[in-house]
Amino acid sequence: MSDARIEELEIRVSFQEDLLQKLDDALAHQQREVLELKSVLRQMTHQIETLEAAFPDEESAGAIEKPPHY
Protein backbone atom coordinates (compact mmCIF):
# COMPACT_ATOMS: atom_id res chain seq x y z
CA MET A 1 0.00 0.00 0.00
CA SER A 2 1.11 3.50 -0.63
CA ASP A 3 1.70 5.98 2.15
CA ALA A 4 -1.19 8.14 0.88
CA ARG A 5 -3.58 5.19 1.03
CA ILE A 6 -2.49 4.28 4.57
CA GLU A 7 -2.86 7.90 5.65
CA GLU A 8 -6.38 8.01 4.13
CA LEU A 9 -7.34 4.85 6.01
CA GLU A 10 -5.97 6.24 9.27
CA ILE A 11 -7.99 9.41 8.79
CA ARG A 12 -11.13 7.37 8.12
CA VAL A 13 -10.56 5.26 11.23
CA SER A 14 -10.04 8.42 13.26
CA PHE A 15 -13.34 9.88 12.05
CA GLN A 16 -15.13 6.60 12.70
CA GLU A 17 -13.76 6.43 16.23
CA ASP A 18 -14.92 10.00 16.85
CA LEU A 19 -18.38 9.22 15.46
CA LEU A 20 -18.59 6.03 17.51
CA GLN A 21 -17.76 7.98 20.68
CA LYS A 22 -20.43 10.57 19.89
CA LEU A 23 -23.00 7.83 19.28
CA ASP A 24 -22.01 6.11 22.52
CA ASP A 25 -22.43 9.41 24.42
CA ALA A 26 -25.83 10.02 22.82
CA LEU A 27 -26.97 6.49 23.67
CA ALA A 28 -25.84 6.87 27.28
CA HIS A 29 -27.72 10.19 27.52
CA GLN A 30 -30.87 8.65 26.10
CA GLN A 31 -30.62 5.69 28.48
CA ARG A 32 -30.40 8.06 31.46
CA GLU A 33 -33.39 9.97 30.11
CA VAL A 34 -35.43 6.77 29.65
CA LEU A 35 -34.66 5.68 33.21
CA GLU A 36 -35.69 9.10 34.52
CA LEU A 37 -38.94 9.00 32.53
CA LYS A 38 -39.70 5.49 33.82
CA SER A 39 -39.23 6.75 37.36
CA VAL A 40 -41.57 9.69 36.76
CA LEU A 41 -44.14 7.35 35.19
CA ARG A 42 -44.01 5.04 38.22
CA GLN A 43 -44.52 8.02 40.54
CA MET A 44 -47.45 9.32 38.52
CA THR A 45 -49.03 5.85 38.36
CA HIS A 46 -48.74 5.60 42.14
CA GLN A 47 -50.30 9.04 42.57
CA ILE A 48 -53.20 8.11 40.28
CA GLU A 49 -53.77 4.87 42.18
CA THR A 50 -53.73 6.80 45.45
CA LEU A 51 -56.25 9.31 44.12
CA GLU A 52 -58.48 6.57 42.74
CA ALA A 53 -58.47 4.88 46.13
CA ALA A 54 -59.27 8.16 47.91
CA PHE A 55 -62.01 9.16 45.45
CA PRO A 56 -63.62 6.02 44.08
CA ASP A 57 -65.86 6.66 41.11
CA GLU A 58 -69.52 6.85 41.94
CA GLU A 59 -70.64 3.87 39.87
CA SER A 60 -68.36 1.32 41.49
CA ALA A 61 -68.69 2.68 45.02
CA GLY A 62 -72.39 3.49 44.95
CA ALA A 63 -71.65 6.46 47.20
CA ILE A 64 -73.72 8.93 45.17
CA GLU A 65 -77.12 7.77 44.07
CA LYS A 66 -79.23 9.54 41.47
CA PRO A 67 -82.37 11.14 42.81
CA PRO A 68 -85.59 9.23 42.02
CA HIS A 69 -86.79 11.84 39.49
CA TYR A 70 -83.96 10.95 37.04
PDB file of N, CA and C in Angstrom:
ATOM      1  N   MET A   1       0.839  -1.182   0.000  1.00  0.00           N
ATOM      2  CA  MET A   1       0.000   0.000   0.000  1.00  0.00           C
ATOM      3  C   MET A   1       0.881   1.240   0.000  1.00  0.00           C
ATOM      4  N   SER A   2       0.351   2.241  -0.604  1.00  0.00           N
ATOM      5  CA  SER A   2       1.109   3.496  -0.630  1.00  0.00           C
ATOM      6  C   SER A   2       0.884   4.259   0.663  1.00  0.00           C
ATOM      7  N   ASP A   3       1.797   5.159   0.932  1.00  0.00           N
ATOM      8  CA  ASP A   3       1.698   5.977   2.151  1.00  0.00           C
ATOM      9  C   ASP A   3       0.427   6.824   2.144  1.00  0.00           C
ATOM     10  N   ALA A   4       0.028   7.315   0.981  1.00  0.00           N
ATOM     11  CA  ALA A   4      -1.187   8.139   0.881  1.00  0.00           C
ATOM     12  C   ALA A   4      -2.415   7.307   1.223  1.00  0.00           C
ATOM     13  N   ARG A   5      -2.440   6.075   0.758  1.00  0.00           N
ATOM     14  CA  ARG A   5      -3.583   5.189   1.027  1.00  0.00           C
ATOM     15  C   ARG A   5      -3.657   4.847   2.518  1.00  0.00           C
ATOM     16  N   ILE A   6      -2.524   4.576   3.124  1.00  0.00           N
ATOM     17  CA  ILE A   6      -2.489   4.276   4.569  1.00  0.00           C
ATOM     18  C   ILE A   6      -2.945   5.489   5.367  1.00  0.00           C
ATOM     19  N   GLU A   7      -2.469   6.668   4.954  1.00  0.00           N
ATOM     20  CA  GLU A   7      -2.859   7.895   5.655  1.00  0.00           C
ATOM     21  C   GLU A   7      -4.373   8.123   5.524  1.00  0.00           C
ATOM     22  N   GLU A   8      -4.939   7.867   4.346  1.00  0.00           N
ATOM     23  CA  GLU A   8      -6.379   8.009   4.129  1.00  0.00           C
ATOM     24  C   GLU A   8      -7.158   7.052   5.027  1.00  0.00           C
ATOM     25  N   LEU A   9      -6.686   5.827   5.146  1.00  0.00           N
ATOM     26  CA  LEU A   9      -7.344   4.848   6.009  1.00  0.00           C
ATOM     27  C   LEU A   9      -7.252   5.252   7.479  1.00  0.00           C
ATOM     28  N   GLU A  10      -6.117   5.782   7.884  1.00  0.00           N
ATOM     29  CA  GLU A  10      -5.967   6.236   9.266  1.00  0.00           C
ATOM     30  C   GLU A  10      -6.908   7.394   9.569  1.00  0.00           C
ATOM     31  N   ILE A  11      -7.070   8.285   8.603  1.00  0.00           N
ATOM     32  CA  ILE A  11      -7.993   9.412   8.785  1.00  0.00           C
ATOM     33  C   ILE A  11      -9.424   8.894   8.909  1.00  0.00           C
ATOM     34  N   ARG A  12      -9.793   7.946   8.062  1.00  0.00           N
ATOM     35  CA  ARG A  12     -11.134   7.365   8.123  1.00  0.00           C
ATOM     36  C   ARG A  12     -11.391   6.698   9.476  1.00  0.00           C
ATOM     37  N   VAL A  13     -10.431   5.935   9.937  1.00  0.00           N
ATOM     38  CA  VAL A  13     -10.564   5.261  11.234  1.00  0.00           C
ATOM     39  C   VAL A  13     -10.716   6.300  12.344  1.00  0.00           C
ATOM     40  N   SER A  14      -9.959   7.372  12.259  1.00  0.00           N
ATOM     41  CA  SER A  14     -10.044   8.422  13.264  1.00  0.00           C
ATOM     42  C   SER A  14     -11.438   9.037  13.292  1.00  0.00           C
ATOM     43  N   PHE A  15     -11.995   9.339  12.118  1.00  0.00           N
ATOM     44  CA  PHE A  15     -13.344   9.883  12.049  1.00  0.00           C
ATOM     45  C   PHE A  15     -14.377   8.882  12.553  1.00  0.00           C
ATOM     46  N   GLN A  16     -14.194   7.621  12.231  1.00  0.00           N
ATOM     47  CA  GLN A  16     -15.132   6.600  12.696  1.00  0.00           C
ATOM     48  C   GLN A  16     -15.076   6.447  14.207  1.00  0.00           C
ATOM     49  N   GLU A  17     -13.886   6.511  14.772  1.00  0.00           N
ATOM     50  CA  GLU A  17     -13.756   6.426  16.230  1.00  0.00           C
ATOM     51  C   GLU A  17     -14.441   7.613  16.894  1.00  0.00           C
ATOM     52  N   ASP A  18     -14.276   8.799  16.308  1.00  0.00           N
ATOM     53  CA  ASP A  18     -14.918   9.995  16.847  1.00  0.00           C
ATOM     54  C   ASP A  18     -16.442   9.859  16.768  1.00  0.00           C
ATOM     55  N   LEU A  19     -16.944   9.403  15.636  1.00  0.00           N
ATOM     56  CA  LEU A  19     -18.375   9.215  15.463  1.00  0.00           C
ATOM     57  C   LEU A  19     -18.908   8.162  16.434  1.00  0.00           C
ATOM     58  N   LEU A  20     -18.179   7.083  16.591  1.00  0.00           N
ATOM     59  CA  LEU A  20     -18.588   6.030  17.511  1.00  0.00           C
ATOM     60  C   LEU A  20     -18.670   6.558  18.940  1.00  0.00           C
ATOM     61  N   GLN A  21     -17.734   7.391  19.338  1.00  0.00           N
ATOM     62  CA  GLN A  21     -17.755   7.978  20.680  1.00  0.00           C
ATOM     63  C   GLN A  21     -18.972   8.890  20.845  1.00  0.00           C
ATOM     64  N   LYS A  22     -19.267   9.684  19.822  1.00  0.00           N
ATOM     65  CA  LYS A  22     -20.434  10.565  19.890  1.00  0.00           C
ATOM     66  C   LYS A  22     -21.721   9.757  19.984  1.00  0.00           C
ATOM     67  N   LEU A  23     -21.814   8.686  19.217  1.00  0.00           N
ATOM     68  CA  LEU A  23     -23.000   7.833  19.281  1.00  0.00           C
ATOM     69  C   LEU A  23     -23.131   7.168  20.646  1.00  0.00           C
ATOM     70  N   ASP A  24     -22.007   6.731  21.195  1.00  0.00           N
ATOM     71  CA  ASP A  24     -22.015   6.113  22.518  1.00  0.00           C
ATOM     72  C   ASP A  24     -22.484   7.113  23.573  1.00  0.00           C
ATOM     73  N   ASP A  25     -22.008   8.362  23.480  1.00  0.00           N
ATOM     74  CA  ASP A  25     -22.426   9.410  24.418  1.00  0.00           C
ATOM     75  C   ASP A  25     -23.925   9.692  24.289  1.00  0.00           C
ATOM     76  N   ALA A  26     -24.404   9.757  23.041  1.00  0.00           N
ATOM     77  CA  ALA A  26     -25.831  10.021  22.819  1.00  0.00           C
ATOM     78  C   ALA A  26     -26.676   8.875  23.374  1.00  0.00           C
ATOM     79  N   LEU A  27     -26.232   7.652  23.165  1.00  0.00           N
ATOM     80  CA  LEU A  27     -26.966   6.494  23.672  1.00  0.00           C
ATOM     81  C   LEU A  27     -26.999   6.492  25.194  1.00  0.00           C
ATOM     82  N   ALA A  28     -25.888   6.815  25.816  1.00  0.00           N
ATOM     83  CA  ALA A  28     -25.840   6.874  27.282  1.00  0.00           C
ATOM     84  C   ALA A  28     -26.783   7.957  27.799  1.00  0.00           C
ATOM     85  N   HIS A  29     -26.812   9.102  27.128  1.00  0.00           N
ATOM     86  CA  HIS A  29     -27.715  10.194  27.524  1.00  0.00           C
ATOM     87  C   HIS A  29     -29.167   9.753  27.397  1.00  0.00           C
ATOM     88  N   GLN A  30     -29.509   9.106  26.295  1.00  0.00           N
ATOM     89  CA  GLN A  30     -30.874   8.645  26.097  1.00  0.00           C
ATOM     90  C   GLN A  30     -31.250   7.584  27.126  1.00  0.00           C
ATOM     91  N   GLN A  31     -30.330   6.723  27.472  1.00  0.00           N
ATOM     92  CA  GLN A  31     -30.619   5.689  28.476  1.00  0.00           C
ATOM     93  C   GLN A  31     -30.915   6.329  29.831  1.00  0.00           C
ATOM     94  N   ARG A  32     -30.130   7.348  30.199  1.00  0.00           N
ATOM     95  CA  ARG A  32     -30.400   8.057  31.462  1.00  0.00           C
ATOM     96  C   ARG A  32     -31.776   8.722  31.414  1.00  0.00           C
ATOM     97  N   GLU A  33     -32.110   9.304  30.268  1.00  0.00           N
ATOM     98  CA  GLU A  33     -33.394   9.970  30.113  1.00  0.00           C
ATOM     99  C   GLU A  33     -34.547   8.966  30.208  1.00  0.00           C
ATOM    100  N   VAL A  34     -34.397   7.808  29.595  1.00  0.00           N
ATOM    101  CA  VAL A  34     -35.428   6.769  29.653  1.00  0.00           C
ATOM    102  C   VAL A  34     -35.631   6.312  31.091  1.00  0.00           C
ATOM    103  N   LEU A  35     -34.544   6.103  31.813  1.00  0.00           N
ATOM    104  CA  LEU A  35     -34.660   5.681  33.210  1.00  0.00           C
ATOM    105  C   LEU A  35     -35.363   6.742  34.054  1.00  0.00           C
ATOM    106  N   GLU A  36     -35.049   8.007  33.788  1.00  0.00           N
ATOM    107  CA  GLU A  36     -35.692   9.096  34.518  1.00  0.00           C
ATOM    108  C   GLU A  36     -37.192   9.143  34.193  1.00  0.00           C
ATOM    109  N   LEU A  37     -37.534   8.977  32.925  1.00  0.00           N
ATOM    110  CA  LEU A  37     -38.938   8.998  32.531  1.00  0.00           C
ATOM    111  C   LEU A  37     -39.702   7.805  33.113  1.00  0.00           C
ATOM    112  N   LYS A  38     -39.059   6.647  33.195  1.00  0.00           N
ATOM    113  CA  LYS A  38     -39.696   5.488  33.824  1.00  0.00           C
ATOM    114  C   LYS A  38     -39.986   5.769  35.291  1.00  0.00           C
ATOM    115  N   SER A  39     -39.051   6.420  35.955  1.00  0.00           N
ATOM    116  CA  SER A  39     -39.233   6.753  37.361  1.00  0.00           C
ATOM    117  C   SER A  39     -40.406   7.717  37.537  1.00  0.00           C
ATOM    118  N   VAL A  40     -40.470   8.725  36.691  1.00  0.00           N
ATOM    119  CA  VAL A  40     -41.570   9.687  36.756  1.00  0.00           C
ATOM    120  C   VAL A  40     -42.899   8.985  36.479  1.00  0.00           C
ATOM    121  N   LEU A  41     -42.917   8.091  35.512  1.00  0.00           N
ATOM    122  CA  LEU A  41     -44.138   7.355  35.190  1.00  0.00           C
ATOM    123  C   LEU A  41     -44.598   6.504  36.374  1.00  0.00           C
ATOM    124  N   ARG A  42     -43.648   5.833  37.041  1.00  0.00           N
ATOM    125  CA  ARG A  42     -44.011   5.042  38.224  1.00  0.00           C
ATOM    126  C   ARG A  42     -44.611   5.930  39.305  1.00  0.00           C
ATOM    127  N   GLN A  43     -44.011   7.112  39.529  1.00  0.00           N
ATOM    128  CA  GLN A  43     -44.520   8.025  40.544  1.00  0.00           C
ATOM    129  C   GLN A  43     -45.932   8.499  40.197  1.00  0.00           C
ATOM    130  N   MET A  44     -46.136   8.835  38.938  1.00  0.00           N
ATOM    131  CA  MET A  44     -47.454   9.316  38.519  1.00  0.00           C
ATOM    132  C   MET A  44     -48.499   8.201  38.616  1.00  0.00           C
ATOM    133  N   THR A  45     -48.110   6.988  38.253  1.00  0.00           N
ATOM    134  CA  THR A  45     -49.026   5.854  38.365  1.00  0.00           C
ATOM    135  C   THR A  45     -49.419   5.644  39.822  1.00  0.00           C
ATOM    136  N   HIS A  46     -48.457   5.741  40.711  1.00  0.00           N
ATOM    137  CA  HIS A  46     -48.735   5.597  42.140  1.00  0.00           C
ATOM    138  C   HIS A  46     -49.680   6.699  42.617  1.00  0.00           C
ATOM    139  N   GLN A  47     -49.433   7.939  42.165  1.00  0.00           N
ATOM    140  CA  GLN A  47     -50.302   9.043  42.566  1.00  0.00           C
ATOM    141  C   GLN A  47     -51.731   8.833  42.058  1.00  0.00           C
ATOM    142  N   ILE A  48     -51.865   8.360  40.832  1.00  0.00           N
ATOM    143  CA  ILE A  48     -53.198   8.105  40.277  1.00  0.00           C
ATOM    144  C   ILE A  48     -53.903   7.010  41.074  1.00  0.00           C
ATOM    145  N   GLU A  49     -53.170   5.949  41.398  1.00  0.00           N
ATOM    146  CA  GLU A  49     -53.771   4.867  42.179  1.00  0.00           C
ATOM    147  C   GLU A  49     -54.201   5.363  43.552  1.00  0.00           C
ATOM    148  N   THR A  50     -53.392   6.229  44.151  1.00  0.00           N
ATOM    149  CA  THR A  50     -53.734   6.798  45.454  1.00  0.00           C
ATOM    150  C   THR A  50     -54.992   7.653  45.358  1.00  0.00           C
ATOM    151  N   LEU A  51     -55.067   8.473  44.310  1.00  0.00           N
ATOM    152  CA  LEU A  51     -56.253   9.314  44.117  1.00  0.00           C
ATOM    153  C   LEU A  51     -57.492   8.469  43.823  1.00  0.00           C
ATOM    154  N   GLU A  52     -57.335   7.432  43.036  1.00  0.00           N
ATOM    155  CA  GLU A  52     -58.479   6.568  42.742  1.00  0.00           C
ATOM    156  C   GLU A  52     -58.979   5.882  44.000  1.00  0.00           C
ATOM    157  N   ALA A  53     -58.067   5.514  44.879  1.00  0.00           N
ATOM    158  CA  ALA A  53     -58.467   4.878  46.130  1.00  0.00           C
ATOM    159  C   ALA A  53     -59.161   5.887  47.054  1.00  0.00           C
ATOM    160  N   ALA A  54     -58.693   7.133  47.041  1.00  0.00           N
ATOM    161  CA  ALA A  54     -59.269   8.157  47.909  1.00  0.00           C
ATOM    162  C   ALA A  54     -60.613   8.652  47.389  1.00  0.00           C
ATOM    163  N   PHE A  55     -60.773   8.673  46.073  1.00  0.00           N
ATOM    164  CA  PHE A  55     -62.005   9.160  45.451  1.00  0.00           C
ATOM    165  C   PHE A  55     -62.531   8.111  44.474  1.00  0.00           C
ATOM    166  N   PRO A  56     -63.118   7.060  44.986  1.00  0.00           N
ATOM    167  CA  PRO A  56     -63.623   6.022  44.076  1.00  0.00           C
ATOM    168  C   PRO A  56     -64.718   6.604  43.195  1.00  0.00           C
ATOM    169  N   ASP A  57     -64.820   6.114  41.988  1.00  0.00           N
ATOM    170  CA  ASP A  57     -65.857   6.659  41.106  1.00  0.00           C
ATOM    171  C   ASP A  57     -67.230   6.218  41.608  1.00  0.00           C
ATOM    172  N   GLU A  58     -68.199   7.031  41.328  1.00  0.00           N
ATOM    173  CA  GLU A  58     -69.520   6.849  41.936  1.00  0.00           C
ATOM    174  C   GLU A  58     -70.215   5.576  41.501  1.00  0.00           C
ATOM    175  N   GLU A  59     -69.959   5.075  40.325  1.00  0.00           N
ATOM    176  CA  GLU A  59     -70.638   3.868  39.866  1.00  0.00           C
ATOM    177  C   GLU A  59     -70.170   2.636  40.627  1.00  0.00           C
ATOM    178  N   SER A  60     -68.861   2.516  40.825  1.00  0.00           N
ATOM    179  CA  SER A  60     -68.361   1.321  41.489  1.00  0.00           C
ATOM    180  C   SER A  60     -68.569   1.381  42.998  1.00  0.00           C
ATOM    181  N   ALA A  61     -68.560   2.560  43.570  1.00  0.00           N
ATOM    182  CA  ALA A  61     -68.691   2.676  45.016  1.00  0.00           C
ATOM    183  C   ALA A  61     -70.146   2.791  45.451  1.00  0.00           C
ATOM    184  N   GLY A  62     -71.000   3.309  44.586  1.00  0.00           N
ATOM    185  CA  GLY A  62     -72.391   3.494  44.950  1.00  0.00           C
ATOM    186  C   GLY A  62     -72.583   4.580  45.988  1.00  0.00           C
ATOM    187  N   ALA A  63     -71.599   5.435  46.172  1.00  0.00           N
ATOM    188  CA  ALA A  63     -71.654   6.464  47.200  1.00  0.00           C
ATOM    189  C   ALA A  63     -72.664   7.544  46.853  1.00  0.00           C
ATOM    190  N   ILE A  64     -72.791   7.881  45.580  1.00  0.00           N
ATOM    191  CA  ILE A  64     -73.719   8.934  45.173  1.00  0.00           C
ATOM    192  C   ILE A  64     -74.806   8.286  44.316  1.00  0.00           C
ATOM    193  N   GLU A  65     -76.005   8.349  44.819  1.00  0.00           N
ATOM    194  CA  GLU A  65     -77.121   7.768  44.075  1.00  0.00           C
ATOM    195  C   GLU A  65     -77.880   8.870  43.370  1.00  0.00           C
ATOM    196  N   LYS A  66     -78.439   8.554  42.209  1.00  0.00           N
ATOM    197  CA  LYS A  66     -79.233   9.536  41.465  1.00  0.00           C
ATOM    198  C   LYS A  66     -80.576   9.698  42.180  1.00  0.00           C
ATOM    199  N   PRO A  67     -81.054  10.911  42.213  1.00  0.00           N
ATOM    200  CA  PRO A  67     -82.372  11.136  42.810  1.00  0.00           C
ATOM    201  C   PRO A  67     -83.446  10.372  42.032  1.00  0.00           C
ATOM    202  N   PRO A  68     -84.558  10.038  42.669  1.00  0.00           N
ATOM    203  CA  PRO A  68     -85.590   9.226  42.016  1.00  0.00           C
ATOM    204  C   PRO A  68     -86.204   9.874  40.774  1.00  0.00           C
ATOM    205  N   HIS A  69     -86.159  11.193  40.638  1.00  0.00           N
ATOM    206  CA  HIS A  69     -86.790  11.837  39.488  1.00  0.00           C
ATOM    207  C   HIS A  69     -85.937  11.741  38.216  1.00  0.00           C
ATOM    208  N   TYR A  70     -84.788  11.122  38.246  1.00  0.00           N
ATOM    209  CA  TYR A  70     -83.963  10.945  37.040  1.00  0.00           C
ATOM    210  C   TYR A  70     -84.312   9.681  36.340  1.00  0.00           C
TER     211      TYR A  70
END
